[in-house]
Amino acid sequence: MDAPCLLAKVSEHGIALLADGDRLFYRPKERVPSVLLALLREHRAKVLEILPFWSRESAEAVRRFGSPEAWLLPYLGATVSTVLGDGVLIQVTPSLV
């Protein structure tokens, strides 16, 4: 499972994720099923990469379109930073990997 789909699952369970450095905190802890906790631990690095940009709208887009790349849809038209520099997000396409 990739990070966007995993974060959508977290959202479905009503769990809030907080990051502190390279650590993830879950609230409320009692809502985190053991299977989901194992997946969060396994994919922690990828989750930490996108968590600062994640929103309720991102979770809804992933659920609605069934595509992990859909988490970016709420940011269409917004200024984003990439390794090539800042720019405006004008298109989101499925991953070829």
Protein backbone atom coordinates (compact mmCIF):
# COMPACT_ATOMS: atom_id res chain seq x y z
CA MET A 1 0.00 0.00 0.00
CA ASP A 2 1.39 3.42 -0.89
CA ALA A 3 1.42 6.42 1.45
CA PRO A 4 -1.59 8.32 -0.02
CA CYS A 5 -3.85 5.25 0.18
CA LEU A 6 -2.56 4.54 3.68
CA LEU A 7 -3.33 8.09 4.81
CA ALA A 8 -6.81 7.79 3.31
CA LYS A 9 -7.34 4.65 5.42
CA VAL A 10 -6.11 6.50 8.51
CA SER A 11 -8.61 9.26 7.79
CA GLU A 12 -11.45 6.74 7.36
CA HIS A 13 -10.75 5.46 10.88
CA GLY A 14 -10.95 8.98 12.31
CA ILE A 15 -7.30 8.94 13.33
CA ALA A 16 -5.18 12.07 13.50
CA LEU A 17 -1.50 11.73 12.59
CA LEU A 18 1.09 14.13 13.93
CA ALA A 19 4.75 14.23 12.97
CA ASP A 20 7.62 15.26 15.17
CA GLY A 21 10.89 14.91 13.30
CA ASP A 22 10.99 11.32 12.11
CA ARG A 23 8.33 10.12 14.58
CA LEU A 24 4.62 9.64 13.97
CA PHE A 25 2.02 10.04 16.70
CA TYR A 26 -1.51 8.64 16.41
CA ARG A 27 -4.61 10.00 18.14
CA PRO A 28 -6.71 8.38 19.47
CA LYS A 29 -4.41 5.39 19.88
CA GLU A 30 -7.25 2.98 20.62
CA ARG A 31 -8.68 3.49 17.10
CA VAL A 32 -5.52 2.30 15.33
CA PRO A 33 -5.98 -1.36 14.30
CA SER A 34 -2.82 -3.45 14.58
CA VAL A 35 -2.74 -4.06 10.81
CA LEU A 36 -2.89 -0.31 10.13
CA LEU A 37 -0.21 0.35 12.75
CA ALA A 38 2.08 -2.18 11.07
CA LEU A 39 1.54 -0.49 7.69
CA LEU A 40 2.25 2.95 9.16
CA ARG A 41 5.50 1.67 10.64
CA GLU A 42 6.49 -0.01 7.38
CA HIS A 43 5.80 3.10 5.28
CA ARG A 44 6.73 5.75 7.87
CA ALA A 45 9.32 7.51 5.69
CA LYS A 46 6.89 7.99 2.78
CA VAL A 47 4.08 9.07 5.11
CA LEU A 48 6.38 11.67 6.69
CA GLU A 49 7.19 13.05 3.23
CA ILE A 50 3.59 13.91 2.37
CA LEU A 51 1.99 14.40 5.80
CA PRO A 52 2.67 18.17 5.94
CA PHE A 53 0.64 18.58 2.71
CA TRP A 54 -2.13 16.13 3.56
CA SER A 55 -5.66 17.42 4.11
CA ARG A 56 -9.18 16.10 4.51
CA GLU A 57 -9.69 17.06 0.86
CA SER A 58 -6.69 14.91 -0.10
CA ALA A 59 -8.15 11.90 1.68
CA GLU A 60 -11.51 12.43 -0.03
CA ALA A 61 -9.86 12.72 -3.46
CA VAL A 62 -7.96 9.44 -2.97
CA ARG A 63 -11.19 7.68 -1.92
CA ARG A 64 -13.25 9.25 -4.71
CA PHE A 65 -10.86 8.59 -7.58
CA GLY A 66 -9.21 5.42 -6.26
CA SER A 67 -5.78 6.70 -7.27
CA PRO A 68 -2.89 7.47 -4.91
CA GLU A 69 -1.92 10.48 -7.03
CA ALA A 70 -5.33 12.04 -6.36
CA TRP A 71 -4.03 13.39 -3.03
CA LEU A 72 -2.55 16.24 -5.08
CA LEU A 73 -5.85 17.32 -6.67
CA PRO A 74 -6.72 19.88 -3.93
CA TYR A 75 -3.46 21.66 -4.81
CA LEU A 76 -4.24 22.22 -8.51
CA GLY A 77 -3.56 25.86 -9.30
CA ALA A 78 -1.46 26.32 -6.18
CA THR A 79 2.22 27.22 -6.06
CA VAL A 80 4.27 24.12 -5.23
CA SER A 81 7.95 23.47 -4.70
CA THR A 82 9.78 20.75 -6.59
CA VAL A 83 13.40 19.73 -7.04
CA LEU A 84 13.36 21.86 -10.20
CA GLY A 85 12.06 24.94 -8.38
CA ASP A 86 8.72 26.57 -7.59
CA GLY A 87 5.82 26.50 -10.00
CA VAL A 88 2.06 26.17 -10.31
CA LEU A 89 0.55 22.69 -10.24
CA ILE A 90 -1.48 22.42 -13.44
CA GLN A 91 -1.89 18.66 -13.91
CA VAL A 92 -1.87 15.43 -11.94
CA THR A 93 -1.20 12.21 -13.83
CA PRO A 94 -1.05 8.58 -12.70
CA SER A 95 2.34 7.19 -11.81
CA LEU A 96 4.01 5.06 -14.45
CA VAL A 97 5.79 2.98 -11.82
